[in-house]
C-alpha atoms as a PDB file:
ATOM      1  CA  SER A   1     -53.239 119.937  11.194  1.00  0.00           C
ATOM      2  CA  LYS A   2     -52.330 116.875   8.974  1.00  0.00           C
ATOM      3  CA  HIS A   3     -52.240 114.415  11.835  1.00  0.00           C
ATOM      4  CA  ASN A   4     -54.919 115.327  14.303  1.00  0.00           C
ATOM      5  CA  PRO A   5     -56.072 113.514  16.024  1.00  0.00           C
ATOM      6  CA  PHE A   6     -53.962 111.092  16.605  1.00  0.00           C
ATOM      7  CA  LEU A   7     -55.585 107.822  18.396  1.00  0.00           C
ATOM      8  CA  ILE A   8     -53.645 105.516  20.209  1.00  0.00           C
ATOM      9  CA  LEU A   9     -55.832 102.475  19.998  1.00  0.00           C
ATOM     10  CA  GLY A  10     -55.225  99.062  22.273  1.00  0.00           C
ATOM     11  CA  GLU A  11     -57.507  97.042  24.641  1.00  0.00           C
ATOM     12  CA  SER A  12     -56.714  97.193  28.548  1.00  0.00           C
ATOM     13  CA  GLY A  13     -53.161  96.725  29.367  1.00  0.00           C
ATOM     14  CA  SER A  14     -51.755  96.813  26.009  1.00  0.00           C
ATOM     15  CA  GLY A  15     -49.393  99.904  26.912  1.00  0.00           C
ATOM     16  CA  LYS A  16     -51.470 102.945  25.824  1.00  0.00           C
ATOM     17  CA  THR A  17     -50.948 105.120  28.705  1.00  0.00           C
ATOM     18  CA  ASN A  18     -47.271 104.340  28.328  1.00  0.00           C
ATOM     19  CA  VAL A  19     -46.837 105.851  25.081  1.00  0.00           C
ATOM     20  CA  LEU A  20     -48.918 108.677  26.531  1.00  0.00           C
ATOM     21  CA  LYS A  21     -46.263 108.848  29.047  1.00  0.00           C
ATOM     22  CA  ILE A  22     -43.437 108.957  26.588  1.00  0.00           C
ATOM     23  CA  ILE A  23     -45.264 112.095  24.310  1.00  0.00           C
ATOM     24  CA  LEU A  24     -46.042 113.801  27.531  1.00  0.00           C
ATOM     25  CA  GLN A  25     -42.122 113.742  28.356  1.00  0.00           C
ATOM     26  CA  GLN A  26     -41.196 115.400  25.112  1.00  0.00           C
ATOM     27  CA  LEU A  27     -43.945 117.953  25.595  1.00  0.00           C
ATOM     28  CA  ARG A  28     -44.482 118.619  28.620  1.00  0.00           C
ATOM     29  CA  ASP A  29     -42.806 121.908  29.974  1.00  0.00           C
ATOM     30  CA  ARG A  30     -42.268 122.862  25.888  1.00  0.00           C
ATOM     31  CA  GLU A  31     -45.665 122.924  24.564  1.00  0.00           C
ATOM     32  CA  LEU A  32     -48.806 124.576  26.207  1.00  0.00           C
ATOM     33  CA  VAL A  33     -51.411 120.621  27.109  1.00  0.00           C
ATOM     34  CA  TYR A  34     -54.026 119.603  28.759  1.00  0.00           C
ATOM     35  CA  LEU A  35     -54.124 116.144  30.457  1.00  0.00           C
ATOM     36  CA  PHE A  36     -57.159 114.555  31.032  1.00  0.00           C
ATOM     37  CA  ASP A  37     -56.415 111.691  33.049  1.00  0.00           C
ATOM     38  CA  SER A  38     -58.387 108.295  32.738  1.00  0.00           C
ATOM     39  CA  LYS A  39     -59.993 107.375  36.158  1.00  0.00           C
ATOM     40  CA  GLY A  40     -57.160 105.168  37.092  1.00  0.00           C
ATOM     41  CA  ARG A  41     -54.582 108.407  37.367  1.00  0.00           C
ATOM     42  CA  GLY A  42     -52.085 106.483  35.375  1.00  0.00           C
ATOM     43  CA  LEU A  43     -50.804 109.696  34.321  1.00  0.00           C
ATOM     44  CA  TYR A  44     -50.916 111.458  37.659  1.00  0.00           C
ATOM     45  CA  GLU A  45     -46.882 111.828  38.236  1.00  0.00           C
ATOM     46  CA  TYR A  46     -47.009 113.918  34.897  1.00  0.00           C
ATOM     47  CA  GLN A  47     -49.513 116.862  36.447  1.00  0.00           C
ATOM     48  CA  ASN A  48     -46.639 119.193  36.721  1.00  0.00           C
ATOM     49  CA  GLY A  49     -45.808 121.187  33.194  1.00  0.00           C
ATOM     50  CA  VAL A  50     -49.213 120.975  31.885  1.00  0.00           C
ATOM     51  CA  HIS A  51     -52.633 121.672  33.208  1.00  0.00           C
ATOM     52  CA  TYR A  52     -53.799 118.156  34.445  1.00  0.00           C
ATOM     53  CA  ILE A  53     -57.554 118.105  34.148  1.00  0.00           C
ATOM     54  CA  ASN A  54     -59.351 115.143  36.359  1.00  0.00           C
ATOM     55  CA  ALA A  55     -62.685 116.965  37.749  1.00  0.00           C
ATOM     56  CA  GLN A  56     -65.706 117.714  35.356  1.00  0.00           C
ATOM     57  CA  GLN A  57     -65.494 121.185  37.005  1.00  0.00           C
ATOM     58  CA  GLN A  58     -62.069 121.906  35.429  1.00  0.00           C
ATOM     59  CA  ALA A  59     -63.101 120.097  32.248  1.00  0.00           C
ATOM     60  CA  GLU A  60     -66.165 122.415  31.234  1.00  0.00           C
ATOM     61  CA  GLU A  61     -63.625 125.342  32.202  1.00  0.00           C
ATOM     62  CA  PHE A  62     -61.415 123.729  29.473  1.00  0.00           C
ATOM     63  CA  ILE A  63     -64.539 123.813  26.919  1.00  0.00           C
ATOM     64  CA  ASN A  64     -65.253 127.344  27.558  1.00  0.00           C
ATOM     65  CA  TYR A  65     -61.411 128.311  27.190  1.00  0.00           C
ATOM     66  CA  ILE A  66     -60.671 126.163  23.962  1.00  0.00           C
ATOM     67  CA  THR A  67     -64.126 127.938  22.903  1.00  0.00           C
ATOM     68  CA  GLU A  68     -63.118 131.038  23.316  1.00  0.00           C
ATOM     69  CA  GLU A  69     -59.290 130.418  22.247  1.00  0.00           C
ATOM     70  CA  VAL A  70     -61.084 128.831  18.661  1.00  0.00           C
ATOM     71  CA  LYS A  71     -62.595 132.625  18.525  1.00  0.00           C
ATOM     72  CA  VAL A  72     -59.687 134.219  19.108  1.00  0.00           C
ATOM     73  CA  ARG A  73     -57.284 132.617  16.493  1.00  0.00           C
ATOM     74  CA  LYS A  74     -60.082 132.369  13.873  1.00  0.00           C
ATOM     75  CA  THR A  75     -60.260 136.453  14.056  1.00  0.00           C
ATOM     76  CA  TYR A  76     -56.502 136.713  13.117  1.00  0.00           C
ATOM     77  CA  ILE A  77     -56.400 133.904  10.406  1.00  0.00           C
ATOM     78  CA  ASP A  78     -59.714 135.688   9.502  1.00  0.00           C
ATOM     79  CA  GLU A  79     -57.217 139.122   9.361  1.00  0.00           C
ATOM     80  CA  GLN A  80     -54.317 137.707   8.103  1.00  0.00           C
ATOM     81  CA  LEU A  81     -56.303 136.269   5.266  1.00  0.00           C
ATOM     82  CA  ARG A  82     -58.188 139.614   4.203  1.00  0.00           C
ATOM     83  CA  GLN A  83     -54.606 140.799   3.988  1.00  0.00           C
ATOM     84  CA  GLY A  84     -53.158 138.454   1.432  1.00  0.00           C
ATOM     85  CA  ALA A  85     -51.311 135.692   4.008  1.00  0.00           C
ATOM     86  CA  ASP A  86     -50.857 132.227   2.895  1.00  0.00           C
ATOM     87  CA  ILE A  87     -52.947 129.821   4.663  1.00  0.00           C
ATOM     88  CA  SER A  88     -50.515 127.450   5.852  1.00  0.00           C
ATOM     89  CA  LYS A  89     -47.989 129.863   6.627  1.00  0.00           C
ATOM     90  CA  VAL A  90     -50.779 131.349   8.844  1.00  0.00           C
ATOM     91  CA  ARG A  91     -51.899 128.067  10.787  1.00  0.00           C
ATOM     92  CA  ASP A  92     -48.079 127.554  10.793  1.00  0.00           C
ATOM     93  CA  SER A  93     -47.677 130.696  12.810  1.00  0.00           C
ATOM     94  CA  ILE A  94     -50.032 129.638  15.534  1.00  0.00           C
ATOM     95  CA  SER A  95     -49.097 128.014  18.875  1.00  0.00           C
ATOM     96  CA  LYS A  96     -49.366 124.830  19.099  1.00  0.00           C
ATOM     97  CA  ILE A  97     -52.112 123.366  22.333  1.00  0.00           C
ATOM     98  CA  TYR A  98     -52.211 119.652  22.626  1.00  0.00           C
ATOM     99  CA  VAL A  99     -54.787 117.909  24.322  1.00  0.00           C
ATOM    100  CA  ILE A 100     -54.089 114.595  25.353  1.00  0.00           C
ATOM    101  CA  ILE A 101     -56.499 112.510  26.710  1.00  0.00           C
ATOM    102  CA  ASP A 102     -56.205 109.036  28.763  1.00  0.00           C
ATOM    103  CA  GLU A 103     -59.265 106.768  27.882  1.00  0.00           C
ATOM    104  CA  ILE A 104     -62.197 108.742  25.443  1.00  0.00           C
ATOM    105  CA  ASP A 105     -64.727 106.760  27.567  1.00  0.00           C
ATOM    106  CA  ASP A 106     -63.080 108.499  30.741  1.00  0.00           C
ATOM    107  CA  PHE A 107     -62.935 111.582  29.779  1.00  0.00           C
ATOM    108  CA  ILE A 108     -66.798 111.755  28.436  1.00  0.00           C
ATOM    109  CA  ASP A 109     -68.136 110.309  31.913  1.00  0.00           C
ATOM    110  CA  MET A 110     -65.864 112.985  33.391  1.00  0.00           C
ATOM    111  CA  LEU A 111     -67.537 115.927  31.447  1.00  0.00           C
ATOM    112  CA  GLY A 112     -70.741 114.122  31.328  1.00  0.00           C
ATOM    113  CA  VAL A 113     -72.436 112.423  28.426  1.00  0.00           C
ATOM    114  CA  SER A 114     -75.068 115.026  28.427  1.00  0.00           C
ATOM    115  CA  ASN A 115     -72.551 117.872  28.012  1.00  0.00           C
ATOM    116  CA  MET A 116     -70.812 116.142  24.885  1.00  0.00           C
ATOM    117  CA  SER A 117     -73.152 117.261  22.134  1.00  0.00           C
ATOM    118  CA  ILE A 118     -72.382 120.906  22.790  1.00  0.00           C
ATOM    119  CA  ALA A 119     -68.729 119.839  23.708  1.00  0.00           C
ATOM    120  CA  GLY A 120     -68.341 117.455  20.537  1.00  0.00           C
ATOM    121  CA  THR A 121     -68.707 120.774  17.598  1.00  0.00           C
ATOM    122  CA  ARG A 122     -66.774 122.533  19.777  1.00  0.00           C
ATOM    123  CA  LEU A 123     -63.731 120.357  20.261  1.00  0.00           C
ATOM    124  CA  LYS A 124     -63.961 119.066  16.851  1.00  0.00           C
ATOM    125  CA  ASN A 125     -64.173 122.850  15.744  1.00  0.00           C
ATOM    126  CA  ALA A 126     -61.085 123.708  18.009  1.00  0.00           C
ATOM    127  CA  MET A 127     -58.991 120.745  15.525  1.00  0.00           C
ATOM    128  CA  GLU A 128     -58.822 123.371  12.799  1.00  0.00           C
ATOM    129  CA  TYR A 129     -57.127 126.066  14.919  1.00  0.00           C
ATOM    130  CA  GLY A 130     -54.379 124.698  16.322  1.00  0.00           C
ATOM    131  CA  VAL A 131     -55.531 122.545  18.870  1.00  0.00           C
ATOM    132  CA  ASN A 132     -53.867 118.812  18.516  1.00  0.00           C
ATOM    133  CA  PHE A 133     -55.644 115.889  20.511  1.00  0.00           C
ATOM    134  CA  ILE A 134     -53.702 113.018  20.935  1.00  0.00           C
ATOM    135  CA  VAL A 135     -56.616 110.217  22.257  1.00  0.00           C
ATOM    136  CA  ALA A 136     -56.100 107.008  24.017  1.00  0.00           C
ATOM    137  CA  VAL A 137     -59.010 104.336  22.773  1.00  0.00           C
ATOM    138  CA  ASN A 138     -60.049 101.394  24.301  1.00  0.00           C
ATOM    139  CA  VAL A 139     -61.384  99.614  21.136  1.00  0.00           C
ATOM    140  CA  SER A 140     -64.021  97.777  23.220  1.00  0.00           C
ATOM    141  CA  LYS A 141     -65.316 100.513  24.452  1.00  0.00           C
ATOM    142  CA  PHE A 142     -65.270 102.949  21.883  1.00  0.00           C
ATOM    143  CA  ASN A 143     -68.932 103.640  21.457  1.00  0.00           C
ATOM    144  CA  ALA A 144     -69.988 107.168  22.159  1.00  0.00           C
ATOM    145  CA  THR A 145     -71.699 109.185  19.240  1.00  0.00           C
ATOM    146  CA  ASP A 146     -70.889 112.900  19.655  1.00  0.00           C
ATOM    147  CA  GLU A 147     -69.480 114.696  16.895  1.00  0.00           C
ATOM    148  CA  PHE A 148     -65.853 114.496  18.075  1.00  0.00           C
ATOM    149  CA  THR A 149     -66.050 111.061  18.633  1.00  0.00           C
ATOM    150  CA  LYS A 150     -67.412 110.600  15.363  1.00  0.00           C
ATOM    151  CA  THR A 151     -64.171 112.630  14.071  1.00  0.00           C
ATOM    152  CA  LEU A 152     -62.051 110.218  15.916  1.00  0.00           C
ATOM    153  CA  ARG A 153     -63.426 106.981  14.988  1.00  0.00           C
ATOM    154  CA  GLY A 154     -62.751 109.081  11.335  1.00  0.00           C
ATOM    155  CA  THR A 155     -58.759 109.665  11.556  1.00  0.00           C
ATOM    156  CA  ARG A 156     -56.247 108.150   9.425  1.00  0.00           C
ATOM    157  CA  ASN A 157     -53.544 108.915  11.991  1.00  0.00           C
ATOM    158  CA  GLY A 158     -52.866 105.993  14.708  1.00  0.00           C
ATOM    159  CA  LEU A 159     -51.387 103.414  16.573  1.00  0.00           C
ATOM    160  CA  LEU A 160     -52.540 100.292  16.727  1.00  0.00           C
ATOM    161  CA  LEU A 161     -51.093  98.587  20.355  1.00  0.00           C
ATOM    162  CA  SER A 162     -51.660  94.903  21.130  1.00  0.00           C
ATOM    163  CA  GLY A 163     -50.382  92.533  23.742  1.00  0.00           C
ATOM    164  CA  GLN A 164     -48.371  89.253  23.078  1.00  0.00           C
ATOM    165  CA  GLY A 165     -48.951  87.550  20.332  1.00  0.00           C
ATOM    166  CA  PHE A 166     -51.234  88.816  17.771  1.00  0.00           C
ATOM    167  CA  LEU A 167     -54.391  91.256  17.272  1.00  0.00           C
ATOM    168  CA  ASN A 168     -56.951  89.903  14.696  1.00  0.00           C
ATOM    169  CA  ILE A 169     -58.663  93.439  13.210  1.00  0.00           C
ATOM    170  CA  PHE A 170     -60.019  91.473  10.162  1.00  0.00           C
ATOM    171  CA  PRO A 171     -61.520  87.980  11.154  1.00  0.00           C
ATOM    172  CA  VAL A 172     -60.237  85.755   9.256  1.00  0.00           C
ATOM    173  CA  LYS A 173     -62.766  82.298   8.038  1.00  0.00           C
ATOM    174  CA  VAL A 174     -60.503  79.972   7.127  1.00  0.00           C
ATOM    175  CA  ASP A 175     -63.507  78.292   5.059  1.00  0.00           C
ATOM    176  CA  LYS A 176     -64.160  81.355   2.968  1.00  0.00           C
ATOM    177  CA  ILE A 177     -60.343  81.644   1.630  1.00  0.00           C
ATOM    178  CA  PRO A 178     -60.489  81.132  -2.356  1.00  0.00           C
ATOM    179  CA  ARG A 179     -59.167  77.971  -3.499  1.00  0.00           C
ATOM    180  CA  GLN A 180     -55.593  78.793  -5.496  1.00  0.00           C
ATOM    181  CA  PRO A 181     -55.899  77.196  -9.053  1.00  0.00           C
ATOM    182  CA  ASP A 182     -54.185  73.458  -9.331  1.00  0.00           C
END
């Protein structure tokens, strides 16, 4: 989808989990949602109405499920295209799945770093088949190098949160500002 993945970026305490709560209030009970909570269990109260995942075995089962679901969706899309259907209409007809991840580093730790090379590629592929990712990222810990994380880093969709005051996105060196002509 054109807004996939969607990142919520910020430091610890900037409100990423609170934004996810608002999103969950909109999606749960209406859409198929898989929720990967952070180690702090900030979204535990939202476990009803979603598929709440907080253990490695559950995460591995999700990866296997999503891999099979992508195969089914790919077969369906290919068949529809062979019959001359419009690709955008076919994609719109596929039910949406939302995967909400509170803290990507906790997700990687839960799944296991060794599993992320395979899982990362599978998750990246799932984005093409109606699986929408909404991911909270602590900007100071965004270091993994698997295919999924690389895709997250390349997204153009997101929300940047900061604490009170201002957030330096790009450092400005005061002594390097060009002088204006007199």
